[in-house]
């Protein structure tokens, strides 16, 4: 089967090819997926396919959540800490140099969904899937150009897409859809805006101010540069809109427990050099999702190069004041005032937020975990003797350190998310002997417990890199999803991983 030419993974030739017999399963690869690794964290690190169906689903819904709320799953400790393969999506017919964008990854208790160029696809869990094995497909008119990681309590989410299947087509549509069945709930066209102060209407995406989409309670919010639009979830009715004034333009929205809109403002000071960062400043507005009314505004200091939002409730801002990424975290109170500043000390502590060259996902900071009144970061890797690091908690009220979790030698700890009052972290093996693991760190006691341990075949050892992979924990399963796929070099195996899912061996696949 061939993907056909970009930007569409699912061209007519590719759709026709899906009916042909495809011998894409590699028996030698599946053998590798059953490698037995050494014991770690008090349990065997066996990499299995499927698993014992006697287990229960490993999630515990957060209290008082409705279908229009943003889903906050509290993960429940599985019965077994032995990791098992829960899902795999791989591609085996990429040609050298052939590449595709895979924006967005979402999961329910039944489906793993992914964006692929101009198509949204859903796969049943517990499968070894390839193109053609989709449980559902939702084709769009043009390539996906924006997405949010947020999902509602009834498993719906939104993406942005171009209204035309053309190179450099403008990003001007939003669609709200169901992850379980792939059905579109509604879709709307929205305005476009050019880049910079006083910009004219763009003619191509290269001249377009990158829009964004996010979700908060019963609201889908889209920023398009010239303003923000808000729609109700069930019917897509426009609830409110704002228009940018002066030299400040809406530049991304963060959702979840609250709605924050980032503004980018240009200075008219002609005395400043044209490459001065002082020409650009940022504001963060907290907005009432029902009315669009601004509740408070926070103005970042001059010289700040980027502002991201790891959390909206409580509000935590990730600020970049130099060339080395995040330099400070700011904890704001209910009135938008700074209550604590956490300095990363020139890289002593490390946190990353999503690169926004192609997609503005303002509230995705994959290694900055916020919850239980704290924010968790990792330390810089210590390579002096054996690769090691720490995860450190900081109190959001004071900025003081709370707990410190050590990875130990030949291992790295990476914060993933706060689940209830505990922190889920990825323990990444560095010695190629011990298995990897998803672990539970308790900020109250300082204890670490295994969630499950797992091994990876040699071909997937680098698949856990957060630079190229989205990481998601949902319903007791850990997923690694590629942000893009590229055909291998000539003479190398032609298959590549797109998504890898791991769960407890006792977790029942629906």
Protein backbone atom coordinates (compact mmCIF):
# COMPACT_ATOMS: atom_id res chain seq x y z
CA UNK A 1 0.00 0.00 0.00
CA UNK A 2 1.22 3.48 -0.74
CA UNK A 3 0.43 6.62 1.21
CA UNK A 4 0.46 8.61 -2.00
CA UNK A 5 1.84 12.12 -2.23
CA UNK A 6 1.65 14.58 0.68
CA UNK A 7 -0.18 16.43 2.11
CA UNK A 8 -2.93 13.77 2.23
CA UNK A 9 -2.14 10.36 3.65
CA UNK A 10 -5.46 9.10 2.34
CA UNK A 11 -5.59 9.88 -1.36
CA UNK A 12 -7.92 8.01 -3.70
CA UNK A 13 -5.10 5.70 -4.78
CA UNK A 14 -4.32 4.95 -1.17
CA UNK A 15 -7.97 4.27 -0.39
CA UNK A 16 -8.20 1.84 -3.26
CA UNK A 17 -5.02 0.13 -2.15
CA UNK A 18 -6.57 -0.59 1.25
CA UNK A 19 -8.67 -3.34 -0.31
CA UNK A 20 -5.61 -5.24 -1.47
CA UNK A 21 -3.91 -7.92 0.57
CA UNK A 22 -1.17 -6.35 2.69
CA UNK A 23 1.57 -8.50 4.14
CA UNK A 24 2.86 -5.92 6.57
CA UNK A 25 3.32 -7.96 9.72
CA UNK A 26 6.94 -8.75 10.38
CA UNK A 27 7.29 -11.99 12.31
CA UNK A 28 10.80 -11.10 13.41
CA UNK A 29 9.54 -7.78 14.80
CA UNK A 30 6.78 -9.45 16.79
CA UNK A 31 9.42 -11.75 18.17
CA UNK A 32 11.30 -8.76 19.46
CA UNK A 33 8.13 -7.47 21.05
CA UNK A 34 8.12 -10.56 23.28
CA UNK A 35 11.62 -10.05 24.66
CA UNK A 36 11.99 -10.85 28.33
CA UNK A 37 13.91 -8.14 30.14
CA UNK A 38 15.41 -8.19 33.59
CA UNK A 39 13.47 -7.60 36.76
CA UNK A 40 12.97 -4.01 37.82
CA UNK A 41 11.10 -2.29 40.62
CA UNK A 42 10.21 -5.61 42.18
CA UNK A 43 8.49 -7.12 39.14
CA UNK A 44 9.31 -8.78 35.86
CA UNK A 45 9.74 -6.47 32.89
CA UNK A 46 8.01 -8.68 30.33
CA UNK A 47 6.90 -7.04 27.11
CA UNK A 48 3.73 -8.86 26.06
CA UNK A 49 0.99 -8.49 23.48
CA UNK A 50 -2.57 -8.35 24.83
CA UNK A 51 -2.55 -9.61 28.39
CA UNK A 52 -4.83 -11.27 30.89
CA UNK A 53 -8.41 -10.09 30.42
CA UNK A 54 -9.27 -10.74 34.06
CA UNK A 55 -8.10 -7.29 35.11
CA UNK A 56 -10.18 -4.15 35.44
CA UNK A 57 -9.86 -0.86 33.64
CA UNK A 58 -7.24 1.23 35.42
CA UNK A 59 -8.92 4.57 35.80
CA UNK A 60 -10.81 6.31 38.52
CA UNK A 61 -12.90 9.24 37.23
CA UNK A 62 -12.31 12.54 38.96
CA UNK A 63 -15.33 13.59 41.05
CA UNK A 64 -18.05 15.95 39.83
CA UNK A 65 -17.19 15.78 36.13
CA UNK A 66 -19.85 16.11 33.47
CA UNK A 67 -19.82 15.53 29.69
CA UNK A 68 -19.07 19.21 28.99
CA UNK A 69 -16.21 19.40 31.48
CA UNK A 70 -12.61 18.81 30.48
CA UNK A 71 -11.66 15.24 31.31
CA UNK A 72 -9.32 14.74 34.26
CA UNK A 73 -8.71 11.04 34.71
CA UNK A 74 -7.30 9.89 38.04
CA UNK A 75 -5.32 6.76 37.25
CA UNK A 76 -5.85 3.75 39.49
CA UNK A 77 -2.98 1.46 40.44
CA UNK A 78 -3.21 -1.66 38.22
CA UNK A 79 -3.33 -5.16 39.66
CA UNK A 80 -0.07 -6.11 37.95
CA UNK A 81 3.03 -3.96 37.41
CA UNK A 82 4.13 -6.09 34.46
CA UNK A 83 3.91 -4.04 31.27
CA UNK A 84 2.14 -5.39 28.20
CA UNK A 85 1.77 -4.08 24.66
CA UNK A 86 -1.68 -2.46 24.49
CA UNK A 87 -1.54 -0.97 21.01
CA UNK A 88 0.79 -0.38 18.09
CA UNK A 89 0.34 1.63 14.91
CA UNK A 90 3.19 1.20 12.45
CA UNK A 91 3.79 1.87 8.78
CA UNK A 92 5.85 -0.41 6.59
CA UNK A 93 5.85 1.04 3.07
CA UNK A 94 7.44 4.48 3.41
CA UNK A 95 9.96 5.34 0.72
CA UNK A 96 13.22 7.14 1.56
CA UNK A 97 12.47 10.84 2.01
CA UNK A 98 8.69 10.36 2.19
CA UNK A 99 7.26 12.16 5.25
CA UNK A 100 3.92 12.97 6.89
CA UNK A 101 2.80 15.17 9.76
CA UNK A 102 0.92 13.44 12.61
CA UNK A 103 -0.53 16.30 14.69
CA UNK A 104 -2.51 15.37 17.78
CA UNK A 105 -3.05 12.14 19.74
CA UNK A 106 -6.02 11.29 21.95
CA UNK A 107 -7.23 8.17 23.75
CA UNK A 108 -10.41 6.81 25.29
CA UNK A 109 -11.04 3.45 26.94
CA UNK A 110 -11.71 1.98 23.47
CA UNK A 111 -9.91 4.12 20.87
CA UNK A 112 -6.52 5.59 20.08
CA UNK A 113 -6.99 8.53 17.70
CA UNK A 114 -4.37 10.35 15.64
CA UNK A 115 -4.22 13.17 13.15
CA UNK A 116 -2.52 12.31 9.85
CA UNK A 117 -2.17 15.21 7.44
CA UNK A 118 -5.80 15.94 6.45
CA UNK A 119 -7.44 12.92 8.07
CA UNK A 120 -8.41 12.01 11.62
CA UNK A 121 -8.26 8.28 12.32
CA UNK A 122 -9.31 6.05 15.21
CA UNK A 123 -7.98 2.58 15.97
CA UNK A 124 -9.34 -0.04 18.36
CA UNK A 125 -7.08 -0.72 21.32
CA UNK A 126 -5.43 -4.10 21.67
CA UNK A 127 -4.45 -4.21 17.99
CA UNK A 128 -1.31 -4.21 15.89
CA UNK A 129 -2.52 -1.67 13.36
CA UNK A 130 -1.38 -0.19 10.07
CA UNK A 131 -3.06 2.16 7.55
CA UNK A 132 -6.26 0.41 6.49
CA UNK A 133 -7.06 -0.98 9.96
CA UNK A 134 -8.92 2.11 11.15
CA UNK A 135 -12.13 1.69 13.14
CA UNK A 136 -13.14 5.12 11.82
CA UNK A 137 -11.80 7.88 9.58
CA UNK A 138 -12.84 11.52 9.41
CA UNK A 139 -11.47 13.14 6.23
CA UNK A 140 -11.12 16.93 6.20
CA UNK A 141 -10.99 19.39 3.32
CA UNK A 142 -7.36 20.27 3.97
CA UNK A 143 -4.42 19.53 6.28
CA UNK A 144 -4.77 19.72 10.06
CA UNK A 145 -3.19 23.00 11.19
CA UNK A 146 -4.02 23.17 14.89
CA UNK A 147 -5.16 20.91 17.72
CA UNK A 148 -5.69 20.70 21.46
CA UNK A 149 -4.81 17.85 23.79
CA UNK A 150 -7.90 18.51 25.92
CA UNK A 151 -10.81 16.05 25.75
CA UNK A 152 -14.32 16.42 27.20
CA UNK A 153 -15.93 14.11 29.71
CA UNK A 154 -17.83 12.44 26.86
CA UNK A 155 -14.70 11.99 24.71
CA UNK A 156 -14.91 14.86 22.23
CA UNK A 157 -12.20 17.25 21.08
CA UNK A 158 -11.37 19.76 18.33
CA UNK A 159 -8.81 20.44 15.62
CA UNK A 160 -8.20 23.22 13.10
CA UNK A 161 -7.79 22.51 9.39
CA UNK A 162 -7.29 24.29 6.08
CA UNK A 163 -10.40 24.75 3.95
CA UNK A 164 -8.56 23.67 0.80
CA UNK A 165 -6.29 20.76 0.00
CA UNK A 166 -3.62 22.98 -1.49
CA UNK A 167 -0.03 23.77 -0.64
CA UNK A 168 0.12 26.84 1.64
CA UNK A 169 -3.68 26.89 2.07
CA UNK A 170 -4.89 29.11 4.89
CA UNK A 171 -5.85 27.59 8.25
CA UNK A 172 -9.48 28.75 8.58
CA UNK A 173 -11.75 25.94 9.84
CA UNK A 174 -12.47 24.29 13.19
CA UNK A 175 -14.15 20.92 13.69
CA UNK A 176 -15.50 19.42 16.92
CA UNK A 177 -15.73 15.62 16.77
CA UNK A 178 -16.32 12.45 18.77
CA UNK A 179 -13.27 10.28 19.50
CA UNK A 180 -15.22 7.05 20.02
CA UNK A 181 -16.99 6.97 16.65
CA UNK A 182 -15.18 9.64 14.61
CA UNK A 183 -18.38 11.56 13.84
CA UNK A 184 -18.25 15.29 13.28
CA UNK A 185 -20.40 17.21 15.75
CA UNK A 186 -20.02 20.55 13.94
CA UNK A 187 -17.56 22.58 11.87
CA UNK A 188 -17.13 26.31 11.23
CA UNK A 189 -15.02 28.64 9.15
CA UNK A 190 -13.22 31.44 11.01
CA UNK A 191 -11.33 34.58 9.88
CA UNK A 192 -7.61 34.76 9.15
CA UNK A 193 -5.03 37.38 10.05
CA UNK A 194 -1.56 38.31 8.87
CA UNK A 195 1.65 38.35 10.88
CA UNK A 196 2.77 41.50 12.66
CA UNK A 197 1.33 44.88 13.57
CA UNK A 198 -0.91 46.35 10.87
CA UNK A 199 -0.75 43.16 8.82
CA UNK A 200 -3.04 42.79 5.84
CA UNK A 201 -5.16 39.72 5.12
CA UNK A 202 -2.74 36.89 4.25
CA UNK A 203 -2.82 35.06 0.94
CA UNK A 204 -0.85 31.97 2.08
CA UNK A 205 -0.18 30.16 5.35
CA UNK A 206 3.39 31.49 5.29
CA UNK A 207 1.94 34.97 5.87
CA UNK A 208 -0.77 33.88 8.32
CA UNK A 209 -0.69 34.46 12.06
CA UNK A 210 -0.88 30.88 13.39
CA UNK A 211 -4.30 30.21 14.97
CA UNK A 212 -4.94 27.96 17.97
CA UNK A 213 -7.79 25.99 19.52
CA UNK A 214 -8.46 24.88 23.09
CA UNK A 215 -11.30 23.60 25.28
CA UNK A 216 -12.69 24.64 28.64
CA UNK A 217 -16.10 23.92 30.19
CA UNK A 218 -18.74 23.82 27.40
CA UNK A 219 -16.56 26.09 25.25
CA UNK A 220 -14.36 25.65 22.19
CA UNK A 221 -12.12 28.72 21.85
CA UNK A 222 -10.23 29.65 18.67
CA UNK A 223 -7.67 32.47 18.45
CA UNK A 224 -6.93 33.65 14.92
CA UNK A 225 -4.61 36.61 15.44
CA UNK A 226 -7.22 39.28 14.90
CA UNK A 227 -9.32 38.07 17.81
CA UNK A 228 -10.89 35.10 19.57
CA UNK A 229 -14.09 33.14 18.84
CA UNK A 230 -15.93 30.92 21.32
CA UNK A 231 -18.46 28.21 20.45
CA UNK A 232 -20.72 26.09 22.62
CA UNK A 233 -19.84 22.40 22.44
CA UNK A 234 -23.15 20.71 21.66
CA UNK A 235 -24.32 22.89 18.76
CA UNK A 236 -21.33 24.97 17.66
CA UNK A 237 -23.27 28.18 18.20
CA UNK A 238 -20.98 31.19 18.44
CA UNK A 239 -21.11 32.32 22.05
CA UNK A 240 -18.92 35.44 21.85
CA UNK A 241 -16.06 36.99 19.92
CA UNK A 242 -13.37 39.58 20.60
CA UNK A 243 -11.34 41.71 18.20
CA UNK A 244 -7.76 42.77 18.71
CA UNK A 245 -7.17 46.48 19.10
CA UNK A 246 -4.10 48.57 18.44
CA UNK A 247 -0.84 46.68 18.17
CA UNK A 248 -1.83 43.68 20.34
CA UNK A 249 -3.05 40.47 18.65
CA UNK A 250 -4.43 37.28 20.18
CA UNK A 251 -1.69 34.68 19.96
CA UNK A 252 -2.96 31.42 21.41
CA UNK A 253 -5.38 30.14 24.05
CA UNK A 254 -4.92 27.76 26.97
CA UNK A 255 -7.83 25.75 28.34
CA UNK A 256 -8.68 23.04 30.81
CA UNK A 257 -9.94 24.31 34.15
CA UNK A 258 -10.00 27.93 32.96
CA UNK A 259 -9.50 29.95 29.77
CA UNK A 260 -6.42 32.13 29.23
CA UNK A 261 -5.65 34.05 26.04
CA UNK A 262 -2.12 35.17 25.19
CA UNK A 263 -1.63 38.49 23.43
CA UNK A 264 1.45 39.52 21.49
CA UNK A 265 2.09 43.26 21.35
CA UNK A 266 4.45 45.22 19.10
CA UNK A 267 6.19 48.38 20.28
CA UNK A 268 6.33 51.44 18.06
CA UNK A 269 9.58 52.65 19.63
CA UNK A 270 11.75 53.61 16.65
CA UNK A 271 14.77 54.08 18.92
CA UNK A 272 15.03 50.33 19.49
CA UNK A 273 17.06 48.13 17.10
CA UNK A 274 14.93 46.14 14.66
CA UNK A 275 16.11 42.87 16.24
CA UNK A 276 15.49 43.95 19.85
CA UNK A 277 13.28 41.67 21.92
CA UNK A 278 11.99 44.81 23.65
CA UNK A 279 9.93 45.47 20.53
CA UNK A 280 7.75 42.50 21.49
CA UNK A 281 5.83 42.07 24.74
CA UNK A 282 3.21 39.58 25.96
CA UNK A 283 0.00 39.78 27.94
CA UNK A 284 -2.08 36.97 29.41
CA UNK A 285 -5.83 37.52 29.83
CA UNK A 286 -8.08 35.33 31.95
CA UNK A 287 -11.42 35.20 30.13
CA UNK A 288 -14.88 34.14 31.24
CA UNK A 289 -15.64 31.26 28.82
CA UNK A 290 -19.39 31.99 28.89
CA UNK A 291 -19.26 35.72 28.14
CA UNK A 292 -15.75 36.55 26.86
CA UNK A 293 -15.33 39.14 29.60
CA UNK A 294 -11.73 39.68 30.74
CA UNK A 295 -11.35 38.91 34.44
CA UNK A 296 -7.73 39.99 34.76
CA UNK A 297 -4.68 40.76 32.64
CA UNK A 298 -1.04 39.92 33.40
CA UNK A 299 1.64 41.86 31.51
CA UNK A 300 4.99 40.12 31.08
CA UNK A 301 8.20 42.13 31.44
CA UNK A 302 10.02 43.54 28.44
CA UNK A 303 12.57 41.23 26.87
CA UNK A 304 10.54 38.07 27.45
CA UNK A 305 10.83 35.92 24.33
CA UNK A 306 8.04 33.44 24.96
CA UNK A 307 5.24 32.75 27.44
CA UNK A 308 3.53 29.36 27.68
CA UNK A 309 0.85 28.10 30.06
CA UNK A 310 1.53 24.73 31.73
CA UNK A 311 -1.63 25.17 33.83
CA UNK A 312 -4.66 27.47 33.81
CA UNK A 313 -6.16 26.39 37.16
CA UNK A 314 -4.03 27.12 39.13
CA UNK A 315 -2.37 29.56 36.75
CA UNK A 316 1.27 28.77 36.05
CA UNK A 317 3.19 30.56 33.29
CA UNK A 318 6.43 29.32 31.72
CA UNK A 319 8.59 32.29 30.76
CA UNK A 320 11.60 32.31 28.43
CA UNK A 321 13.93 35.25 28.93
CA UNK A 322 16.92 33.90 27.00
CA UNK A 323 18.10 31.45 24.39
CA UNK A 324 17.94 28.35 26.60
CA UNK A 325 14.19 27.75 26.77
CA UNK A 326 12.20 28.21 29.97
CA UNK A 327 14.02 30.39 32.50
CA UNK A 328 11.26 30.96 35.09
CA UNK A 329 7.89 29.64 36.17
CA UNK A 330 5.41 32.18 37.52
CA UNK A 331 2.61 31.14 39.87
CA UNK A 332 -0.30 33.62 39.71
CA UNK A 333 -3.14 34.07 42.18
CA UNK A 334 -6.87 34.39 41.48
CA UNK A 335 -6.40 38.04 40.52
CA UNK A 336 -3.51 37.49 38.10
CA UNK A 337 -0.88 38.70 40.56
CA UNK A 338 2.48 36.96 40.87
CA UNK A 339 2.57 35.00 44.11
CA UNK A 340 5.76 33.00 43.51
CA UNK A 341 8.64 32.87 41.00
CA UNK A 342 10.51 29.62 40.40
CA UNK A 343 13.84 30.18 38.67
CA UNK A 344 15.37 27.34 36.69
CA UNK A 345 18.89 28.48 37.55
CA UNK A 346 20.50 28.49 34.11
CA UNK A 347 19.42 24.97 33.31
CA UNK A 348 19.83 23.37 36.75
CA UNK A 349 16.14 22.55 36.45
CA UNK A 350 14.65 21.65 33.09
CA UNK A 351 11.20 22.06 31.60
CA UNK A 352 9.97 21.99 28.02
CA UNK A 353 6.93 23.37 26.27
CA UNK A 354 5.73 22.43 22.80
CA UNK A 355 7.58 24.05 19.92
CA UNK A 356 5.15 26.30 18.10
CA UNK A 357 6.66 26.64 14.65
CA UNK A 358 3.76 24.81 13.00
CA UNK A 359 1.07 24.39 15.68
CA UNK A 360 0.25 26.76 18.53
CA UNK A 361 -0.49 24.48 21.49
CA UNK A 362 -0.08 27.01 24.26
CA UNK A 363 -0.92 24.68 27.15
CA UNK A 364 1.26 21.68 26.33
CA UNK A 365 4.44 21.60 28.41
CA UNK A 366 5.23 17.87 28.42
CA UNK A 367 7.77 17.84 31.28
CA UNK A 368 6.18 20.50 33.51
CA UNK A 369 3.56 18.80 35.70
CA UNK A 370 1.20 20.91 37.84
CA UNK A 371 -1.13 19.70 40.58
CA UNK A 372 -1.64 19.16 44.30
CA UNK A 373 -0.49 22.76 44.93
CA UNK A 374 2.89 22.12 43.34
CA UNK A 375 4.78 22.15 40.06
CA UNK A 376 7.25 19.40 39.25
CA UNK A 377 10.40 19.71 37.12
CA UNK A 378 13.35 17.50 36.44
CA UNK A 379 16.99 18.37 37.00
CA UNK A 380 19.61 18.49 34.30
CA UNK A 381 21.06 15.05 33.54
CA UNK A 382 24.19 14.26 35.56
CA UNK A 383 26.62 12.44 33.26
CA UNK A 384 29.69 12.54 35.55
CA UNK A 385 29.66 8.85 36.51
CA UNK A 386 26.38 7.23 35.65
CA UNK A 387 23.48 8.97 33.93
CA UNK A 388 21.15 10.18 36.66
CA UNK A 389 18.82 13.05 37.58
CA UNK A 390 16.10 14.16 40.01
CA UNK A 391 12.48 15.28 39.95
CA UNK A 392 11.86 18.27 42.20
CA UNK A 393 8.59 19.68 43.50
CA UNK A 394 8.02 23.40 44.12
CA UNK A 395 5.26 24.90 46.23
CA UNK A 396 3.07 27.19 44.12
CA UNK A 397 2.33 29.49 47.05
CA UNK A 398 5.93 30.12 48.09
CA UNK A 399 8.19 28.86 45.29
CA UNK A 400 10.09 26.75 47.83
CA UNK A 401 11.17 23.20 47.04
CA UNK A 402 9.09 20.40 48.52
CA UNK A 403 10.08 16.85 47.57
CA UNK A 404 13.06 15.53 45.64
CA UNK A 405 12.94 12.14 43.90
CA UNK A 406 16.23 10.59 42.77
CA UNK A 407 16.39 8.45 39.66
CA UNK A 408 19.43 6.46 40.76
CA UNK A 409 22.30 5.51 38.41
CA UNK A 410 21.74 4.62 34.76
CA UNK A 411 18.21 5.95 34.82
CA UNK A 412 16.32 9.21 34.22
CA UNK A 413 13.05 10.44 35.72
CA UNK A 414 10.78 12.59 33.55
CA UNK A 415 7.56 14.14 34.95
CA UNK A 416 4.50 13.26 32.87
CA UNK A 417 1.39 14.47 34.72
CA UNK A 418 -0.23 14.87 38.10
CA UNK A 419 -2.98 12.31 38.63
CA UNK A 420 -5.08 13.15 41.69
CA UNK A 421 -2.54 13.98 44.38
CA UNK A 422 0.28 11.88 42.90
CA UNK A 423 2.81 12.45 40.15
CA UNK A 424 3.19 10.02 37.25
CA UNK A 425 6.72 9.97 35.85
CA UNK A 426 8.55 8.05 33.17
CA UNK A 427 11.59 6.15 34.42
CA UNK A 428 13.79 5.82 31.36
CA UNK A 429 16.48 3.14 31.48
CA UNK A 430 19.91 4.24 30.28
CA UNK A 431 21.82 0.93 30.57
CA UNK A 432 19.79 -1.05 28.00
CA UNK A 433 19.42 -3.80 30.60
CA UNK A 434 16.83 -2.66 33.12
CA UNK A 435 13.35 -2.05 31.71
CA UNK A 436 11.68 1.33 31.46
CA UNK A 437 8.77 2.08 33.77
CA UNK A 438 5.86 4.36 34.48
CA UNK A 439 6.13 5.15 38.18
CA UNK A 440 4.03 6.89 40.83
CA UNK A 441 5.75 9.53 42.97
CA UNK A 442 3.98 10.57 46.17
CA UNK A 443 4.69 14.23 47.04
CA UNK A 444 3.47 13.74 50.61
CA UNK A 445 5.74 10.85 51.56
CA UNK A 446 8.52 11.01 48.97
CA UNK A 447 7.87 7.38 48.06
CA UNK A 448 8.09 5.88 44.58
CA UNK A 449 5.93 2.96 43.46
CA UNK A 450 5.86 1.17 40.10
CA UNK A 451 2.77 1.62 37.93
CA UNK A 452 4.15 -0.85 35.41
CA UNK A 453 7.54 -1.64 33.90
CA UNK A 454 8.13 -2.39 30.25
CA UNK A 455 10.84 -3.13 27.72
CA UNK A 456 11.22 -1.83 24.21
CA UNK A 457 12.66 -3.57 21.16
CA UNK A 458 15.90 -2.02 19.88
CA UNK A 459 14.04 -0.32 17.02
CA UNK A 460 11.89 1.66 19.49
CA UNK A 461 14.53 2.67 22.05
CA UNK A 462 14.55 6.28 20.85
CA UNK A 463 10.78 6.43 20.43
CA UNK A 464 10.34 7.80 23.95
CA UNK A 465 12.18 11.05 23.16
CA UNK A 466 9.92 13.97 24.03
CA UNK A 467 11.52 16.10 21.30
CA UNK A 468 9.88 14.01 18.60
CA UNK A 469 7.11 12.17 20.45
CA UNK A 470 3.89 13.07 22.25
CA UNK A 471 3.43 11.29 25.59
CA UNK A 472 -0.03 10.51 26.93
CA UNK A 473 -1.35 8.56 29.92
CA UNK A 474 -5.03 7.67 29.79
CA UNK A 475 -7.14 4.88 31.23
CA UNK A 476 -4.17 2.99 32.65
CA UNK A 477 -2.18 3.05 29.41
CA UNK A 478 0.96 4.93 28.40
CA UNK A 479 1.21 6.07 24.77
CA UNK A 480 4.10 7.39 22.73
CA UNK A 481 2.98 9.04 19.49
CA UNK A 482 5.24 10.31 16.72
CA UNK A 483 4.74 13.96 15.71
CA UNK A 484 5.78 13.05 12.17
CA UNK A 485 6.98 10.02 10.23
CA UNK A 486 9.73 9.94 7.64
CA UNK A 487 10.80 7.16 5.32
CA UNK A 488 14.03 5.41 6.36
CA UNK A 489 17.34 5.73 4.60
CA UNK A 490 17.96 3.52 1.60
CA UNK A 491 18.67 -0.05 2.62
CA UNK A 492 17.05 0.28 6.07
CA UNK A 493 13.79 -1.45 7.12
CA UNK A 494 10.86 0.45 5.62
CA UNK A 495 8.48 0.28 8.58
CA UNK A 496 8.35 3.00 11.24
CA UNK A 497 6.45 3.41 14.49
CA UNK A 498 3.64 5.96 14.60
CA UNK A 499 2.12 5.09 18.01
CA UNK A 500 3.16 2.66 20.72
CA UNK A 501 0.81 1.94 23.65
CA UNK A 502 1.66 0.06 26.84
CA UNK A 503 -0.54 -1.05 29.73
CA UNK A 504 -0.60 -3.46 32.63
CA UNK A 505 -0.77 -7.12 31.62
CA UNK A 506 -4.03 -7.38 33.59
CA UNK A 507 -5.65 -4.40 31.91
CA UNK A 508 -8.65 -5.44 29.84
CA UNK A 509 -8.82 -3.97 26.35
CA UNK A 510 -12.34 -2.97 25.38
